[in-house]
């Protein structure tokens, strides 16, 4: 990490889906650099362990149980953040839902669920923090995309949602720049989590269970996929966290409407590597 230890001092940052996976990595990185973090998720069980870790590091951390599909809960998240800390400097729209399924087999409820969490949730949270950021004349919103936004078998719901989020990112960046609000997007490459392992190994209709344990499967994934990545390795949660730290920091104060691929160069190859958060 190349940032000064006070790079995010006095900043208050909300991270949805902040208790696990990439969200947890971003929360840790921001807290270590002085940020006050607010963790949001439907399940408080996913949040409390990460919040305890942040507090053990000496950081301030607030947990707010939030279903991002519910506009009123997103408003409550923003209100509780302001009531506790007086401001909102950053929002990372990281909460996401996805499962692989052939388009012809996707149920209406499955479609609605992913669209609601990914697309609607991103808008709900962004709109919820808008008034506070407008009054401050400052703020950074980061939307987490995925390689699925460019299409791929088994991802019609997520691809549609993430494509919509990219369109939303550019639109809000254009509309809200006049209020000092920056809106950018990060597309992570393959990060070796168990979710990534399942996405890469699971056929659309395969009923075959995983035959390898978690660590063994991740090691196999590292060996099989690294050769397709120009920089020669899979990503780490810290790779995404560092990018998010940069975009929420003052170092990125003249960047908005940008799309940052953090993927080791995977986009340079025709083969796309799925990613899960």
Protein backbone atom coordinates (compact mmCIF):
# COMPACT_ATOMS: atom_id res chain seq x y z
CA UNK A 1 0.00 0.00 0.00
CA UNK A 2 1.52 3.33 -1.08
CA UNK A 3 -0.91 5.75 0.57
CA UNK A 4 -0.06 7.89 3.59
CA UNK A 5 -1.52 6.42 6.77
CA UNK A 6 -3.72 9.52 7.10
CA UNK A 7 -4.92 9.56 3.47
CA UNK A 8 -8.56 9.10 4.46
CA UNK A 9 -8.48 10.78 7.86
CA UNK A 10 -11.78 12.50 8.75
CA UNK A 11 -13.58 10.82 5.85
CA UNK A 12 -16.76 8.81 6.41
CA UNK A 13 -17.31 6.02 3.91
CA UNK A 14 -20.30 3.69 3.49
CA UNK A 15 -19.59 0.26 2.01
CA UNK A 16 -22.55 -1.91 1.08
CA UNK A 17 -21.87 -5.62 1.26
CA UNK A 18 -19.03 -4.51 3.51
CA UNK A 19 -18.77 -7.55 5.74
CA UNK A 20 -17.39 -10.17 3.37
CA UNK A 21 -15.26 -10.65 0.26
CA UNK A 22 -14.12 -7.56 -1.60
CA UNK A 23 -16.23 -5.35 0.64
CA UNK A 24 -14.38 -6.53 3.73
CA UNK A 25 -11.06 -5.85 2.01
CA UNK A 26 -12.09 -2.30 1.15
CA UNK A 27 -13.32 -1.64 4.68
CA UNK A 28 -10.03 -2.83 6.17
CA UNK A 29 -7.94 -0.74 3.79
CA UNK A 30 -9.96 2.42 4.37
CA UNK A 31 -10.00 2.01 8.14
CA UNK A 32 -6.22 1.56 8.22
CA UNK A 33 -5.88 4.89 6.40
CA UNK A 34 -8.00 6.75 8.91
CA UNK A 35 -11.52 6.53 7.48
CA UNK A 36 -14.61 6.04 9.59
CA UNK A 37 -16.50 3.19 7.94
CA UNK A 38 -20.17 2.31 7.81
CA UNK A 39 -20.98 -1.29 6.92
CA UNK A 40 -24.32 -2.15 5.34
CA UNK A 41 -25.81 -5.55 4.53
CA UNK A 42 -29.08 -7.42 4.83
CA UNK A 43 -27.48 -9.77 7.35
CA UNK A 44 -25.87 -8.27 10.47
CA UNK A 45 -24.11 -11.62 10.95
CA UNK A 46 -22.02 -10.73 7.89
CA UNK A 47 -21.11 -7.34 9.33
CA UNK A 48 -20.31 -7.72 13.01
CA UNK A 49 -17.09 -9.77 12.61
CA UNK A 50 -15.62 -7.21 10.19
CA UNK A 51 -16.76 -4.33 12.39
CA UNK A 52 -15.04 -5.97 15.36
CA UNK A 53 -11.84 -6.28 13.32
CA UNK A 54 -11.96 -2.58 12.44
CA UNK A 55 -12.54 -1.57 16.04
CA UNK A 56 -9.64 -3.78 17.14
CA UNK A 57 -7.46 -1.72 14.79
CA UNK A 58 -8.62 1.42 16.57
CA UNK A 59 -11.03 2.53 13.86
CA UNK A 60 -14.57 3.82 14.15
CA UNK A 61 -17.16 1.58 12.53
CA UNK A 62 -20.95 1.64 12.39
CA UNK A 63 -23.08 -1.34 11.35
CA UNK A 64 -26.47 -0.64 9.74
CA UNK A 65 -28.64 -3.55 8.64
CA UNK A 66 -29.84 -2.52 5.19
CA UNK A 67 -31.62 -4.20 2.31
CA UNK A 68 -30.48 -2.08 -0.62
CA UNK A 69 -33.56 -3.13 -2.58
CA UNK A 70 -35.65 -1.02 -0.17
CA UNK A 71 -35.38 2.70 -0.89
CA UNK A 72 -36.53 3.65 2.61
CA UNK A 73 -33.85 1.49 4.22
CA UNK A 74 -31.19 3.15 2.08
CA UNK A 75 -32.47 6.55 3.20
CA UNK A 76 -32.27 5.34 6.80
CA UNK A 77 -28.69 4.20 6.20
CA UNK A 78 -27.72 7.69 5.06
CA UNK A 79 -29.61 9.34 7.92
CA UNK A 80 -27.98 7.13 10.57
CA UNK A 81 -24.56 7.83 9.10
CA UNK A 82 -25.08 11.59 9.24
CA UNK A 83 -26.59 11.39 12.74
CA UNK A 84 -23.54 9.44 13.95
CA UNK A 85 -20.70 11.19 12.12
CA UNK A 86 -22.10 14.40 10.61
CA UNK A 87 -21.15 13.74 6.99
CA UNK A 88 -20.80 11.22 4.14
CA UNK A 89 -17.63 11.45 2.07
CA UNK A 90 -17.79 8.16 0.20
CA UNK A 91 -20.19 5.43 -0.87
CA UNK A 92 -19.04 2.11 -2.32
CA UNK A 93 -21.93 0.30 -4.01
CA UNK A 94 -20.53 -3.18 -3.58
CA UNK A 95 -23.62 -5.23 -2.62
CA UNK A 96 -24.46 -7.67 -5.40
CA UNK A 97 -26.30 -10.87 -6.12
CA UNK A 98 -25.55 -13.39 -8.83
CA UNK A 99 -25.90 -17.04 -9.74
CA UNK A 100 -25.17 -18.79 -13.01
CA UNK A 101 -28.17 -19.91 -15.03
CA UNK A 102 -29.02 -20.26 -18.71
CA UNK A 103 -31.26 -17.42 -19.88
CA UNK A 104 -34.06 -19.81 -20.89
CA UNK A 105 -34.05 -21.30 -17.38
CA UNK A 106 -34.04 -18.01 -15.47
CA UNK A 107 -37.22 -17.51 -13.45
CA UNK A 108 -38.97 -14.12 -13.22
CA UNK A 109 -38.13 -14.03 -9.51
CA UNK A 110 -34.46 -14.80 -10.19
CA UNK A 111 -34.32 -11.97 -12.73
CA UNK A 112 -36.01 -9.50 -10.35
CA UNK A 113 -33.78 -10.45 -7.42
CA UNK A 114 -30.49 -9.73 -9.21
CA UNK A 115 -31.81 -6.56 -10.89
CA UNK A 116 -33.16 -5.33 -7.55
CA UNK A 117 -29.95 -5.91 -5.60
CA UNK A 118 -27.45 -4.82 -8.24
CA UNK A 119 -29.13 -2.12 -10.33
CA UNK A 120 -31.90 -0.79 -8.09
CA UNK A 121 -29.76 -1.08 -4.98
CA UNK A 122 -27.00 1.00 -6.54
CA UNK A 123 -29.45 3.75 -7.47
CA UNK A 124 -31.25 3.64 -4.12
CA UNK A 125 -28.02 4.11 -2.15
CA UNK A 126 -26.65 6.75 -4.52
CA UNK A 127 -29.82 8.80 -4.32
CA UNK A 128 -29.91 8.38 -0.53
CA UNK A 129 -26.48 10.01 -0.05
CA UNK A 130 -27.01 12.70 -2.69
CA UNK A 131 -28.48 15.46 -0.52
CA UNK A 132 -25.74 15.20 2.11
CA UNK A 133 -22.98 15.21 -0.50
CA UNK A 134 -24.63 18.12 -2.31
CA UNK A 135 -24.73 20.19 0.88
CA UNK A 136 -21.05 19.37 1.49
CA UNK A 137 -20.22 20.15 -2.14
CA UNK A 138 -18.11 17.00 -2.13
CA UNK A 139 -18.39 13.22 -2.23
CA UNK A 140 -17.19 10.13 -4.04
CA UNK A 141 -19.44 7.29 -5.21
CA UNK A 142 -17.80 4.10 -6.44
CA UNK A 143 -19.84 1.47 -8.26
CA UNK A 144 -18.44 -2.06 -8.43
CA UNK A 145 -19.01 -3.70 -11.81
CA UNK A 146 -17.96 -7.16 -13.05
CA UNK A 147 -16.76 -8.66 -16.31
CA UNK A 148 -20.31 -9.96 -16.70
CA UNK A 149 -21.39 -6.48 -17.83
CA UNK A 150 -19.90 -7.27 -21.23
CA UNK A 151 -21.93 -10.45 -21.52
CA UNK A 152 -21.27 -14.15 -21.09
CA UNK A 153 -23.20 -17.41 -20.79
CA UNK A 154 -25.16 -17.83 -17.60
CA UNK A 155 -25.14 -14.16 -16.63
CA UNK A 156 -27.99 -12.46 -18.48
CA UNK A 157 -29.43 -10.99 -15.26
CA UNK A 158 -26.09 -9.77 -13.86
CA UNK A 159 -24.88 -8.56 -17.27
CA UNK A 160 -28.04 -6.51 -17.71
CA UNK A 161 -27.77 -5.07 -14.20
CA UNK A 162 -24.07 -4.24 -14.40
CA UNK A 163 -24.46 -2.67 -17.85
CA UNK A 164 -27.19 -0.51 -16.38
CA UNK A 165 -24.93 0.47 -13.50
CA UNK A 166 -22.26 1.62 -15.92
CA UNK A 167 -24.82 3.77 -17.72
CA UNK A 168 -25.95 5.09 -14.35
CA UNK A 169 -22.35 5.86 -13.40
CA UNK A 170 -21.81 8.05 -16.46
CA UNK A 171 -25.18 9.77 -16.10
CA UNK A 172 -24.80 10.59 -12.40
CA UNK A 173 -21.22 11.72 -12.97
CA UNK A 174 -22.52 14.18 -15.55
CA UNK A 175 -25.51 15.39 -13.52
CA UNK A 176 -23.86 15.61 -10.10
CA UNK A 177 -20.46 17.06 -10.99
CA UNK A 178 -21.91 20.54 -10.46
CA UNK A 179 -22.35 19.60 -6.78
CA UNK A 180 -18.80 18.37 -6.32
CA UNK A 181 -19.89 14.72 -6.38
CA UNK A 182 -17.68 12.29 -8.29
CA UNK A 183 -19.07 8.99 -9.57
CA UNK A 184 -16.74 6.27 -10.88
CA UNK A 185 -16.72 2.52 -11.44
CA UNK A 186 -14.28 -0.33 -10.78
CA UNK A 187 -14.37 -3.65 -12.62
CA UNK A 188 -12.45 -6.27 -10.64
CA UNK A 189 -10.80 -9.16 -12.40
CA UNK A 190 -10.75 -12.69 -11.01
CA UNK A 191 -10.14 -12.74 -7.27
CA UNK A 192 -9.51 -16.24 -5.84
CA UNK A 193 -12.45 -16.55 -3.49
CA UNK A 194 -14.66 -19.61 -3.19
CA UNK A 195 -17.34 -17.74 -5.13
CA UNK A 196 -14.97 -17.26 -8.04
CA UNK A 197 -14.03 -20.93 -7.92
CA UNK A 198 -17.67 -21.94 -8.19
CA UNK A 199 -18.32 -19.53 -11.07
CA UNK A 200 -15.37 -20.80 -13.08
CA UNK A 201 -15.94 -24.51 -12.47
CA UNK A 202 -19.72 -24.73 -12.62
CA UNK A 203 -21.45 -25.68 -15.89
CA UNK A 204 -24.79 -24.06 -16.59
CA UNK A 205 -26.74 -27.23 -15.91
CA UNK A 206 -24.08 -29.29 -14.19
CA UNK A 207 -25.13 -31.13 -11.04
CA UNK A 208 -21.59 -32.32 -10.32
CA UNK A 209 -20.54 -31.26 -6.81
CA UNK A 210 -17.19 -29.67 -6.09
CA UNK A 211 -14.64 -32.44 -5.58
CA UNK A 212 -11.92 -30.24 -4.08
CA UNK A 213 -11.71 -28.45 -0.79
CA UNK A 214 -11.60 -24.65 -0.67
CA UNK A 215 -7.84 -24.06 -0.50
CA UNK A 216 -7.09 -26.85 -2.99
CA UNK A 217 -9.66 -25.51 -5.45
CA UNK A 218 -8.26 -22.00 -5.18
CA UNK A 219 -4.73 -23.29 -5.79
CA UNK A 220 -5.96 -25.15 -8.88
CA UNK A 221 -7.69 -22.00 -10.10
CA UNK A 222 -4.52 -19.98 -9.63
CA UNK A 223 -2.53 -22.43 -11.71
CA UNK A 224 -5.10 -22.81 -14.49
CA UNK A 225 -6.01 -19.14 -14.93
CA UNK A 226 -2.79 -17.22 -14.34
CA UNK A 227 -1.45 -17.96 -17.82
CA UNK A 228 -4.39 -16.11 -19.38
CA UNK A 229 -3.67 -12.95 -17.39
CA UNK A 230 -0.94 -10.72 -18.86
CA UNK A 231 0.43 -9.76 -15.43
CA UNK A 232 0.68 -13.44 -14.56
CA UNK A 233 -1.47 -13.84 -11.46
CA UNK A 234 -4.99 -13.71 -10.13
CA UNK A 235 -6.01 -10.66 -8.15
CA UNK A 236 -6.05 -10.08 -4.42
CA UNK A 237 -8.73 -8.24 -2.43
CA UNK A 238 -6.08 -5.60 -1.69
CA UNK A 239 -5.79 -4.83 -5.42
CA UNK A 240 -9.42 -3.75 -5.49
CA UNK A 241 -9.19 -2.07 -2.09
CA UNK A 242 -6.27 0.11 -3.19
CA UNK A 243 -8.19 1.24 -6.28
CA UNK A 244 -11.21 2.14 -4.13
CA UNK A 245 -9.00 4.01 -1.67
CA UNK A 246 -7.58 6.06 -4.54
CA UNK A 247 -10.99 6.96 -5.96
CA UNK A 248 -12.43 8.00 -2.62
CA UNK A 249 -9.33 10.01 -1.69
CA UNK A 250 -8.50 13.60 -2.57
CA UNK A 251 -5.86 12.27 -4.98
CA UNK A 252 -8.72 11.54 -7.40
CA UNK A 253 -10.51 14.85 -6.99
CA UNK A 254 -10.45 15.54 -10.77
CA UNK A 255 -11.68 12.09 -11.82
CA UNK A 256 -15.33 11.38 -12.49
CA UNK A 257 -17.24 9.20 -14.94
CA UNK A 258 -14.24 6.89 -15.14
CA UNK A 259 -14.18 3.11 -15.47
CA UNK A 260 -11.14 1.48 -13.88
CA UNK A 261 -10.35 -2.14 -14.83
CA UNK A 262 -8.36 -3.79 -12.04
CA UNK A 263 -7.75 -7.13 -13.71
CA UNK A 264 -4.07 -7.72 -14.43
CA UNK A 265 -4.77 -6.98 -18.09
CA UNK A 266 -7.38 -9.73 -18.54
CA UNK A 267 -9.51 -7.46 -20.70
CA UNK A 268 -6.72 -7.49 -23.28
CA UNK A 269 -7.48 -11.12 -24.05
CA UNK A 270 -10.59 -12.38 -25.80
CA UNK A 271 -11.31 -14.82 -22.94
CA UNK A 272 -13.07 -13.12 -20.06
CA UNK A 273 -12.67 -14.39 -16.50
CA UNK A 274 -15.86 -14.21 -14.40
CA UNK A 275 -15.74 -12.44 -11.04
CA UNK A 276 -17.94 -12.50 -7.96
CA UNK A 277 -18.07 -10.16 -5.02
